[in-house]
Amino acid sequence: MNRIKLGLAALVLAMAGPDSGLAELRSERFEIPVPTPNVRKQLNEPSSRQDNTAGRLGRQNNEEAEAPAEPARVYQSACPALLDELVEAEIMPPVKSGQCGERSPLEVTAAGNVRFSSSATLNCRMAGTVANWLEKTRNLAKSILGRELDALVVSTSYQCRRRNNAPTGKISEHGFANALDITGFRFSDSGMITVEQHWQHLPGDGDSENQPPDNDKKTSGAEGRFLKAVRDVACQHFTTVLGPEANAAHADHFHFDLGCHGKTCRYKICE
């Protein structure tokens, strides 16, 4: 078969003659040009795909480095104070304001079978502690005053500010829904006892800056004894208790919170 093909080719060439263009085509070499890659450009200029990938990874790493880790949110319905029905409260969405906030707040309207004059925004632990304190406070009202405690007069709960409303310093525990201020107590007979009116100071107490007054002599009358007993019981439950004996900023109310004091958070402030 190959011999037949070669014979036919020779016949065609012979018939064409020496001047035919076929002879030139036969002897001419054709080379297909192959594009030469621009090695310098590849080395010095990364492709747009590489740029996009690197940029995306860089932005992702920066975002991960800048985004602070948020504490896990507690599912409020699992709060022991709610499960044990120590408080009446509504589950709230997370609250956030600057450096302040609480991811699992409760809007408490009553605790320890004592209603609040206005709702208080508290975290779970604070709500339960207030309820336990109020249970004992109800007993004090009966034993000292012979009266039934009906309501707690609430002043401040969650509020984003610094301690004592100072322009500088640490954030108050109020900023973490971890504190409660109260100004007084209402009773079932419509009577009321307030810190400002009934925490009575006896003349001559505390005249010397280096000699603090005897707290046992700071109050007078049944109302005064009740307030002092309430303060003392609070010191058993909260890590911070401030009242008229602390400073002028607390002359008209009690401040309770569960802030951390000391390296082990076991130190308490009771004033």
C-alpha atoms as a PDB file:
ATOM      1  CA  MET A   1       0.000   0.000   0.000  1.00  0.00           C
ATOM      2  CA  ASN A   2       2.796   2.381   0.871  1.00  0.00           C
ATOM      3  CA  ARG A   3       4.520   1.633  -2.426  1.00  0.00           C
ATOM      4  CA  ILE A   4       1.346   2.624  -4.335  1.00  0.00           C
ATOM      5  CA  LYS A   5       1.172   5.973  -2.490  1.00  0.00           C
ATOM      6  CA  LEU A   6       4.813   6.749  -3.218  1.00  0.00           C
ATOM      7  CA  GLY A   7       4.349   5.927  -6.886  1.00  0.00           C
ATOM      8  CA  LEU A   8       1.371   8.229  -7.223  1.00  0.00           C
ATOM      9  CA  ALA A   9       3.268  11.072  -5.541  1.00  0.00           C
ATOM     10  CA  ALA A  10       6.228  10.656  -7.941  1.00  0.00           C
ATOM     11  CA  LEU A  11       3.890  10.674 -10.936  1.00  0.00           C
ATOM     12  CA  VAL A  12       2.232  13.917  -9.788  1.00  0.00           C
ATOM     13  CA  LEU A  13       5.577  15.641  -9.311  1.00  0.00           C
ATOM     14  CA  ALA A  14       6.851  14.513 -12.693  1.00  0.00           C
ATOM     15  CA  MET A  15       3.797  15.846 -14.466  1.00  0.00           C
ATOM     16  CA  ALA A  16       4.035  19.188 -12.652  1.00  0.00           C
ATOM     17  CA  GLY A  17       7.561  19.875 -13.781  1.00  0.00           C
ATOM     18  CA  PRO A  18      10.484  21.568 -12.072  1.00  0.00           C
ATOM     19  CA  ASP A  19       8.889  25.035 -12.152  1.00  0.00           C
ATOM     20  CA  SER A  20       5.821  24.004 -10.292  1.00  0.00           C
ATOM     21  CA  GLY A  21       5.056  25.615  -6.944  1.00  0.00           C
ATOM     22  CA  LEU A  22       4.568  22.168  -5.503  1.00  0.00           C
ATOM     23  CA  ALA A  23       8.303  21.658  -5.474  1.00  0.00           C
ATOM     24  CA  GLU A  24       8.711  24.794  -3.463  1.00  0.00           C
ATOM     25  CA  LEU A  25       5.997  23.684  -1.078  1.00  0.00           C
ATOM     26  CA  ARG A  26       7.708  20.341  -0.741  1.00  0.00           C
ATOM     27  CA  SER A  27      11.046  21.842   0.193  1.00  0.00           C
ATOM     28  CA  GLU A  28       9.644  24.675   2.365  1.00  0.00           C
ATOM     29  CA  ARG A  29       9.590  24.133   6.135  1.00  0.00           C
ATOM     30  CA  PHE A  30       6.687  25.489   8.119  1.00  0.00           C
ATOM     31  CA  GLU A  31       7.108  26.336  11.805  1.00  0.00           C
ATOM     32  CA  ILE A  32       4.117  27.036  14.039  1.00  0.00           C
ATOM     33  CA  PRO A  33       4.969  29.969  16.346  1.00  0.00           C
ATOM     34  CA  VAL A  34       4.631  29.177  20.042  1.00  0.00           C
ATOM     35  CA  PRO A  35       3.894  32.170  22.305  1.00  0.00           C
ATOM     36  CA  THR A  36       6.636  32.798  24.844  1.00  0.00           C
ATOM     37  CA  PRO A  37       5.302  33.394  28.376  1.00  0.00           C
ATOM     38  CA  ASN A  38       6.277  36.666  30.027  1.00  0.00           C
ATOM     39  CA  VAL A  39       8.242  35.118  32.878  1.00  0.00           C
ATOM     40  CA  ARG A  40       9.235  38.503  34.340  1.00  0.00           C
ATOM     41  CA  LYS A  41       5.616  39.627  34.531  1.00  0.00           C
ATOM     42  CA  GLN A  42       4.576  36.392  36.194  1.00  0.00           C
ATOM     43  CA  LEU A  43       7.328  36.715  38.778  1.00  0.00           C
ATOM     44  CA  ASN A  44       6.867  40.392  39.582  1.00  0.00           C
ATOM     45  CA  GLU A  45       3.143  40.900  39.100  1.00  0.00           C
ATOM     46  CA  PRO A  46       0.825  38.397  40.867  1.00  0.00           C
ATOM     47  CA  SER A  47      -2.343  37.544  39.052  1.00  0.00           C
ATOM     48  CA  SER A  48      -5.609  39.255  39.981  1.00  0.00           C
ATOM     49  CA  ARG A  49      -6.828  35.934  41.376  1.00  0.00           C
ATOM     50  CA  GLN A  50      -3.832  35.764  43.682  1.00  0.00           C
ATOM     51  CA  ASP A  51      -4.388  39.392  44.697  1.00  0.00           C
ATOM     52  CA  ASN A  52      -8.041  38.766  45.499  1.00  0.00           C
ATOM     53  CA  THR A  53      -7.263  35.631  47.489  1.00  0.00           C
ATOM     54  CA  ALA A  54      -4.512  37.309  49.485  1.00  0.00           C
ATOM     55  CA  GLY A  55      -6.664  40.365  50.133  1.00  0.00           C
ATOM     56  CA  ARG A  56      -9.596  38.276  51.248  1.00  0.00           C
ATOM     57  CA  LEU A  57      -7.445  36.215  53.617  1.00  0.00           C
ATOM     58  CA  GLY A  58      -5.858  39.365  54.989  1.00  0.00           C
ATOM     59  CA  ARG A  59      -9.207  40.992  55.695  1.00  0.00           C
ATOM     60  CA  GLN A  60     -10.476  37.799  57.299  1.00  0.00           C
ATOM     61  CA  ASN A  61      -7.446  37.555  59.580  1.00  0.00           C
ATOM     62  CA  ASN A  62      -7.791  41.217  60.576  1.00  0.00           C
ATOM     63  CA  GLU A  63     -11.478  40.815  61.344  1.00  0.00           C
ATOM     64  CA  GLU A  64     -10.798  37.726  63.453  1.00  0.00           C
ATOM     65  CA  ALA A  65      -8.049  39.543  65.333  1.00  0.00           C
ATOM     66  CA  GLU A  66     -10.143  42.648  65.956  1.00  0.00           C
ATOM     67  CA  ALA A  67     -13.436  40.955  66.897  1.00  0.00           C
ATOM     68  CA  PRO A  68     -13.501  40.389  70.696  1.00  0.00           C
ATOM     69  CA  ALA A  69     -14.843  37.108  71.940  1.00  0.00           C
ATOM     70  CA  GLU A  70     -18.316  37.574  73.379  1.00  0.00           C
ATOM     71  CA  PRO A  71     -19.341  35.654  76.490  1.00  0.00           C
ATOM     72  CA  ALA A  72     -21.850  32.895  75.975  1.00  0.00           C
ATOM     73  CA  ARG A  73     -25.443  33.926  76.474  1.00  0.00           C
ATOM     74  CA  VAL A  74     -27.297  32.132  79.272  1.00  0.00           C
ATOM     75  CA  TYR A  75     -30.741  30.902  78.378  1.00  0.00           C
ATOM     76  CA  GLN A  76     -32.745  32.831  81.000  1.00  0.00           C
ATOM     77  CA  SER A  77     -35.474  30.232  81.422  1.00  0.00           C
ATOM     78  CA  ALA A  78     -32.784  28.042  83.027  1.00  0.00           C
ATOM     79  CA  CYS A  79     -32.119  30.712  85.675  1.00  0.00           C
ATOM     80  CA  PRO A  80     -32.566  29.076  89.128  1.00  0.00           C
ATOM     81  CA  ALA A  81     -34.469  32.119  90.423  1.00  0.00           C
ATOM     82  CA  LEU A  82     -37.063  31.591  87.673  1.00  0.00           C
ATOM     83  CA  LEU A  83     -37.131  27.805  87.924  1.00  0.00           C
ATOM     84  CA  ASP A  84     -37.683  27.970  91.699  1.00  0.00           C
ATOM     85  CA  GLU A  85     -40.235  30.799  91.290  1.00  0.00           C
ATOM     86  CA  LEU A  86     -38.248  33.090  93.566  1.00  0.00           C
ATOM     87  CA  VAL A  87     -38.858  36.020  91.239  1.00  0.00           C
ATOM     88  CA  GLU A  88     -41.492  37.276  88.845  1.00  0.00           C
ATOM     89  CA  ALA A  89     -39.678  38.405  85.726  1.00  0.00           C
ATOM     90  CA  GLU A  90     -39.746  38.713  81.972  1.00  0.00           C
ATOM     91  CA  ILE A  91     -36.923  37.467  79.741  1.00  0.00           C
ATOM     92  CA  MET A  92     -35.257  40.381  77.963  1.00  0.00           C
ATOM     93  CA  PRO A  93     -33.008  40.533  74.896  1.00  0.00           C
ATOM     94  CA  PRO A  94     -29.327  41.407  75.482  1.00  0.00           C
ATOM     95  CA  VAL A  95     -28.641  45.008  76.486  1.00  0.00           C
ATOM     96  CA  LYS A  96     -25.509  46.838  75.337  1.00  0.00           C
ATOM     97  CA  SER A  97     -24.278  50.399  75.716  1.00  0.00           C
ATOM     98  CA  GLY A  98     -20.581  51.198  75.255  1.00  0.00           C
ATOM     99  CA  GLN A  99     -18.597  49.234  77.847  1.00  0.00           C
ATOM    100  CA  CYS A 100     -21.783  48.275  79.675  1.00  0.00           C
ATOM    101  CA  GLY A 101     -24.165  45.446  78.987  1.00  0.00           C
ATOM    102  CA  GLU A 102     -25.689  42.130  80.003  1.00  0.00           C
ATOM    103  CA  ARG A 103     -26.344  39.287  77.572  1.00  0.00           C
ATOM    104  CA  SER A 104     -29.033  37.524  79.650  1.00  0.00           C
ATOM    105  CA  PRO A 105     -31.030  40.164  81.556  1.00  0.00           C
ATOM    106  CA  LEU A 106     -34.303  39.760  83.412  1.00  0.00           C
ATOM    107  CA  GLU A 107     -36.933  42.427  83.973  1.00  0.00           C
ATOM    108  CA  VAL A 108     -37.893  41.686  87.569  1.00  0.00           C
ATOM    109  CA  THR A 109     -41.215  42.909  88.979  1.00  0.00           C
ATOM    110  CA  ALA A 110     -41.241  40.959  92.271  1.00  0.00           C
ATOM    111  CA  ALA A 111     -38.882  38.852  94.360  1.00  0.00           C
ATOM    112  CA  GLY A 112     -39.251  36.860  97.564  1.00  0.00           C
ATOM    113  CA  ASN A 113     -43.026  37.465  97.478  1.00  0.00           C
ATOM    114  CA  VAL A 114     -42.411  41.220  97.599  1.00  0.00           C
ATOM    115  CA  ARG A 115     -43.408  43.335  94.614  1.00  0.00           C
ATOM    116  CA  PHE A 116     -41.213  46.107  93.208  1.00  0.00           C
ATOM    117  CA  SER A 117     -42.403  49.702  92.967  1.00  0.00           C
ATOM    118  CA  SER A 118     -40.971  49.651  89.437  1.00  0.00           C
ATOM    119  CA  SER A 119     -39.351  46.888  87.406  1.00  0.00           C
ATOM    120  CA  ALA A 120     -35.618  46.290  87.765  1.00  0.00           C
ATOM    121  CA  THR A 121     -33.254  45.000  85.073  1.00  0.00           C
ATOM    122  CA  LEU A 122     -30.989  42.443  86.765  1.00  0.00           C
ATOM    123  CA  ASN A 123     -28.857  39.485  85.798  1.00  0.00           C
ATOM    124  CA  CYS A 124     -29.894  36.026  86.960  1.00  0.00           C
ATOM    125  CA  ARG A 125     -27.573  35.786  89.947  1.00  0.00           C
ATOM    126  CA  MET A 126     -28.471  39.240  91.236  1.00  0.00           C
ATOM    127  CA  ALA A 127     -32.197  38.528  90.916  1.00  0.00           C
ATOM    128  CA  GLY A 128     -31.884  35.349  92.967  1.00  0.00           C
ATOM    129  CA  THR A 129     -29.788  37.051  95.639  1.00  0.00           C
ATOM    130  CA  VAL A 130     -32.310  39.881  96.014  1.00  0.00           C
ATOM    131  CA  ALA A 131     -35.080  37.294  96.443  1.00  0.00           C
ATOM    132  CA  ASN A 132     -33.193  35.471  99.213  1.00  0.00           C
ATOM    133  CA  TRP A 133     -32.456  38.753 101.002  1.00  0.00           C
ATOM    134  CA  LEU A 134     -36.103  39.853 100.790  1.00  0.00           C
ATOM    135  CA  GLU A 135     -37.301  36.624 102.390  1.00  0.00           C
ATOM    136  CA  LYS A 136     -35.297  37.503 105.507  1.00  0.00           C
ATOM    137  CA  THR A 137     -36.322  41.166 105.267  1.00  0.00           C
ATOM    138  CA  ARG A 138     -39.991  40.152 105.430  1.00  0.00           C
ATOM    139  CA  ASN A 139     -39.287  38.273 108.659  1.00  0.00           C
ATOM    140  CA  LEU A 140     -37.504  41.338 110.073  1.00  0.00           C
ATOM    141  CA  ALA A 141     -40.528  43.512 109.305  1.00  0.00           C
ATOM    142  CA  LYS A 142     -42.738  41.119 111.266  1.00  0.00           C
ATOM    143  CA  SER A 143     -40.401  40.673 114.228  1.00  0.00           C
ATOM    144  CA  ILE A 144     -39.264  44.303 114.633  1.00  0.00           C
ATOM    145  CA  LEU A 145     -42.261  46.269 113.340  1.00  0.00           C
ATOM    146  CA  GLY A 146     -45.109  43.786 113.541  1.00  0.00           C
ATOM    147  CA  ARG A 147     -45.965  44.711 109.938  1.00  0.00           C
ATOM    148  CA  GLU A 148     -46.257  42.910 106.628  1.00  0.00           C
ATOM    149  CA  LEU A 149     -43.806  44.009 103.953  1.00  0.00           C
ATOM    150  CA  ASP A 150     -45.661  44.694 100.715  1.00  0.00           C
ATOM    151  CA  ALA A 151     -43.271  46.407  98.281  1.00  0.00           C
ATOM    152  CA  LEU A 152     -39.662  47.374  97.732  1.00  0.00           C
ATOM    153  CA  VAL A 153     -39.130  50.965  96.599  1.00  0.00           C
ATOM    154  CA  VAL A 154     -36.667  50.593  93.719  1.00  0.00           C
ATOM    155  CA  SER A 155     -34.459  53.447  92.541  1.00  0.00           C
ATOM    156  CA  THR A 156     -31.815  52.259  90.034  1.00  0.00           C
ATOM    157  CA  SER A 157     -30.949  48.911  88.482  1.00  0.00           C
ATOM    158  CA  TYR A 158     -29.271  48.700  85.045  1.00  0.00           C
ATOM    159  CA  GLN A 159     -27.657  52.003  84.113  1.00  0.00           C
ATOM    160  CA  CYS A 160     -24.478  52.586  82.125  1.00  0.00           C
ATOM    161  CA  ARG A 161     -22.347  54.946  84.200  1.00  0.00           C
ATOM    162  CA  ARG A 162     -19.231  55.100  86.338  1.00  0.00           C
ATOM    163  CA  ARG A 163     -19.164  54.566  90.076  1.00  0.00           C
ATOM    164  CA  ASN A 164     -20.902  57.343  92.024  1.00  0.00           C
ATOM    165  CA  ASN A 165     -21.637  59.042  88.669  1.00  0.00           C
ATOM    166  CA  ALA A 166     -18.010  60.199  88.543  1.00  0.00           C
ATOM    167  CA  PRO A 167     -16.610  61.467  85.204  1.00  0.00           C
ATOM    168  CA  THR A 168     -13.693  59.010  85.406  1.00  0.00           C
ATOM    169  CA  GLY A 169     -12.991  55.693  87.051  1.00  0.00           C
ATOM    170  CA  LYS A 170     -14.364  52.170  86.899  1.00  0.00           C
ATOM    171  CA  ILE A 171     -17.730  51.251  85.438  1.00  0.00           C
ATOM    172  CA  SER A 172     -20.383  50.800  88.126  1.00  0.00           C
ATOM    173  CA  GLU A 173     -21.911  47.357  88.674  1.00  0.00           C
ATOM    174  CA  HIS A 174     -25.137  49.022  87.563  1.00  0.00           C
ATOM    175  CA  GLY A 175     -23.633  48.934  84.067  1.00  0.00           C
ATOM    176  CA  PHE A 176     -23.713  45.119  84.134  1.00  0.00           C
ATOM    177  CA  ALA A 177     -27.220  44.650  85.611  1.00  0.00           C
ATOM    178  CA  ASN A 178     -25.402  43.484  88.737  1.00  0.00           C
ATOM    179  CA  ALA A 179     -26.617  46.109  91.224  1.00  0.00           C
ATOM    180  CA  LEU A 180     -29.794  47.479  92.780  1.00  0.00           C
ATOM    181  CA  ASP A 181     -30.500  50.733  94.617  1.00  0.00           C
ATOM    182  CA  ILE A 182     -33.508  50.976  96.939  1.00  0.00           C
ATOM    183  CA  THR A 183     -34.841  53.988  98.800  1.00  0.00           C
ATOM    184  CA  GLY A 184     -37.431  52.430 101.105  1.00  0.00           C
ATOM    185  CA  PHE A 185     -40.061  49.844 102.017  1.00  0.00           C
ATOM    186  CA  ARG A 186     -43.846  49.881 101.775  1.00  0.00           C
ATOM    187  CA  PHE A 187     -46.116  47.889 104.033  1.00  0.00           C
ATOM    188  CA  SER A 188     -49.567  46.356 103.716  1.00  0.00           C
ATOM    189  CA  ASP A 189     -51.019  49.039 106.035  1.00  0.00           C
ATOM    190  CA  SER A 190     -49.958  51.677 103.438  1.00  0.00           C
ATOM    191  CA  GLY A 191     -47.149  52.903 105.654  1.00  0.00           C
ATOM    192  CA  MET A 192     -43.615  53.425 104.317  1.00  0.00           C
ATOM    193  CA  ILE A 193     -40.085  53.587 105.737  1.00  0.00           C
ATOM    194  CA  THR A 194     -37.392  55.410 103.760  1.00  0.00           C
ATOM    195  CA  VAL A 195     -33.634  55.376 104.180  1.00  0.00           C
ATOM    196  CA  GLU A 196     -33.419  59.160 103.955  1.00  0.00           C
ATOM    197  CA  GLN A 197     -36.080  59.816 106.603  1.00  0.00           C
ATOM    198  CA  HIS A 198     -35.680  56.977 109.080  1.00  0.00           C
ATOM    199  CA  TRP A 199     -31.938  56.291 109.146  1.00  0.00           C
ATOM    200  CA  GLN A 200     -31.456  58.683 112.041  1.00  0.00           C
ATOM    201  CA  HIS A 201     -28.041  59.841 113.236  1.00  0.00           C
ATOM    202  CA  LEU A 202     -27.603  60.587 116.930  1.00  0.00           C
ATOM    203  CA  PRO A 203     -25.829  63.856 117.850  1.00  0.00           C
ATOM    204  CA  GLY A 204     -22.144  63.512 118.643  1.00  0.00           C
ATOM    205  CA  ASP A 205     -21.547  60.384 116.604  1.00  0.00           C
ATOM    206  CA  GLY A 206     -18.659  60.467 114.175  1.00  0.00           C
ATOM    207  CA  ASP A 207     -17.193  63.842 115.204  1.00  0.00           C
ATOM    208  CA  SER A 208     -13.645  62.555 114.838  1.00  0.00           C
ATOM    209  CA  GLU A 209     -12.377  61.568 111.413  1.00  0.00           C
ATOM    210  CA  ASN A 210     -10.108  58.953 112.968  1.00  0.00           C
ATOM    211  CA  GLN A 211     -12.803  57.556 115.248  1.00  0.00           C
ATOM    212  CA  PRO A 212     -15.655  56.084 113.196  1.00  0.00           C
ATOM    213  CA  PRO A 213     -19.059  56.155 114.890  1.00  0.00           C
ATOM    214  CA  ASP A 214     -20.505  53.099 116.567  1.00  0.00           C
ATOM    215  CA  ASN A 215     -23.020  51.733 114.085  1.00  0.00           C
ATOM    216  CA  ASP A 216     -25.124  50.336 116.926  1.00  0.00           C
ATOM    217  CA  LYS A 217     -25.907  53.925 117.954  1.00  0.00           C
ATOM    218  CA  LYS A 218     -26.583  55.275 114.500  1.00  0.00           C
ATOM    219  CA  THR A 219     -30.308  54.586 114.372  1.00  0.00           C
ATOM    220  CA  SER A 220     -33.165  55.209 116.759  1.00  0.00           C
ATOM    221  CA  GLY A 221     -36.723  53.960 117.010  1.00  0.00           C
ATOM    222  CA  ALA A 222     -38.262  50.818 115.537  1.00  0.00           C
ATOM    223  CA  GLU A 223     -37.883  52.129 111.979  1.00  0.00           C
ATOM    224  CA  GLY A 224     -34.196  52.810 112.522  1.00  0.00           C
ATOM    225  CA  ARG A 225     -33.623  49.371 114.022  1.00  0.00           C
ATOM    226  CA  PHE A 226     -35.405  47.807 111.078  1.00  0.00           C
ATOM    227  CA  LEU A 227     -33.203  49.623 108.551  1.00  0.00           C
ATOM    228  CA  LYS A 228     -30.032  48.655 110.389  1.00  0.00           C
ATOM    229  CA  ALA A 229     -31.125  45.008 110.549  1.00  0.00           C
ATOM    230  CA  VAL A 230     -31.961  45.114 106.829  1.00  0.00           C
ATOM    231  CA  ARG A 231     -28.487  46.472 106.089  1.00  0.00           C
ATOM    232  CA  ASP A 232     -26.782  43.836 108.245  1.00  0.00           C
ATOM    233  CA  VAL A 233     -28.675  40.979 106.591  1.00  0.00           C
ATOM    234  CA  ALA A 234     -27.814  42.391 103.173  1.00  0.00           C
ATOM    235  CA  CYS A 235     -24.121  42.150 104.073  1.00  0.00           C
ATOM    236  CA  GLN A 236     -24.585  38.384 104.371  1.00  0.00           C
ATOM    237  CA  HIS A 237     -25.865  38.105 100.803  1.00  0.00           C
ATOM    238  CA  PHE A 238     -24.185  40.796  98.697  1.00  0.00           C
ATOM    239  CA  THR A 239     -20.499  41.572  98.209  1.00  0.00           C
ATOM    240  CA  THR A 240     -21.123  45.339  98.312  1.00  0.00           C
ATOM    241  CA  VAL A 241     -23.559  47.091 100.650  1.00  0.00           C
ATOM    242  CA  LEU A 242     -23.486  50.878 100.848  1.00  0.00           C
ATOM    243  CA  GLY A 243     -25.809  53.179 102.784  1.00  0.00           C
ATOM    244  CA  PRO A 244     -25.789  56.432 104.744  1.00  0.00           C
ATOM    245  CA  GLU A 245     -22.685  55.313 106.649  1.00  0.00           C
ATOM    246  CA  ALA A 246     -20.671  54.974 103.419  1.00  0.00           C
ATOM    247  CA  ASN A 247     -20.698  58.508 102.023  1.00  0.00           C
ATOM    248  CA  ALA A 248     -22.948  61.426 101.135  1.00  0.00           C
ATOM    249  CA  ALA A 249     -23.757  59.886  97.751  1.00  0.00           C
ATOM    250  CA  HIS A 250     -25.670  57.104  99.548  1.00  0.00           C
ATOM    251  CA  ALA A 251     -27.393  59.214 102.193  1.00  0.00           C
ATOM    252  CA  ASP A 252     -30.858  58.456 100.829  1.00  0.00           C
ATOM    253  CA  HIS A 253     -30.621  54.868  99.622  1.00  0.00           C
ATOM    254  CA  PHE A 254     -29.048  51.432  99.958  1.00  0.00           C
ATOM    255  CA  HIS A 255     -26.804  50.140  97.171  1.00  0.00           C
ATOM    256  CA  PHE A 256     -26.428  46.362  96.798  1.00  0.00           C
ATOM    257  CA  ASP A 257     -24.279  44.554  94.242  1.00  0.00           C
ATOM    258  CA  LEU A 258     -22.338  41.352  93.571  1.00  0.00           C
ATOM    259  CA  GLY A 259     -19.133  42.918  92.293  1.00  0.00           C
ATOM    260  CA  CYS A 260     -15.770  41.214  92.690  1.00  0.00           C
ATOM    261  CA  HIS A 261     -13.465  42.518  95.439  1.00  0.00           C
ATOM    262  CA  GLY A 262      -9.963  41.146  96.003  1.00  0.00           C
ATOM    263  CA  LYS A 263      -8.089  38.461  94.089  1.00  0.00           C
ATOM    264  CA  THR A 264     -10.518  35.712  95.091  1.00  0.00           C
ATOM    265  CA  CYS A 265     -13.669  37.877  94.940  1.00  0.00           C
ATOM    266  CA  ARG A 266     -14.457  36.909  98.536  1.00  0.00           C
ATOM    267  CA  TYR A 267     -13.773  40.267 100.138  1.00  0.00           C
ATOM    268  CA  LYS A 268     -16.934  42.178 101.099  1.00  0.00           C
ATOM    269  CA  ILE A 269     -17.680  45.856 101.562  1.00  0.00           C
ATOM    270  CA  CYS A 270     -20.376  46.586 104.142  1.00  0.00           C
ATOM    271  CA  GLU A 271     -20.911  50.229 105.068  1.00  0.00           C
END
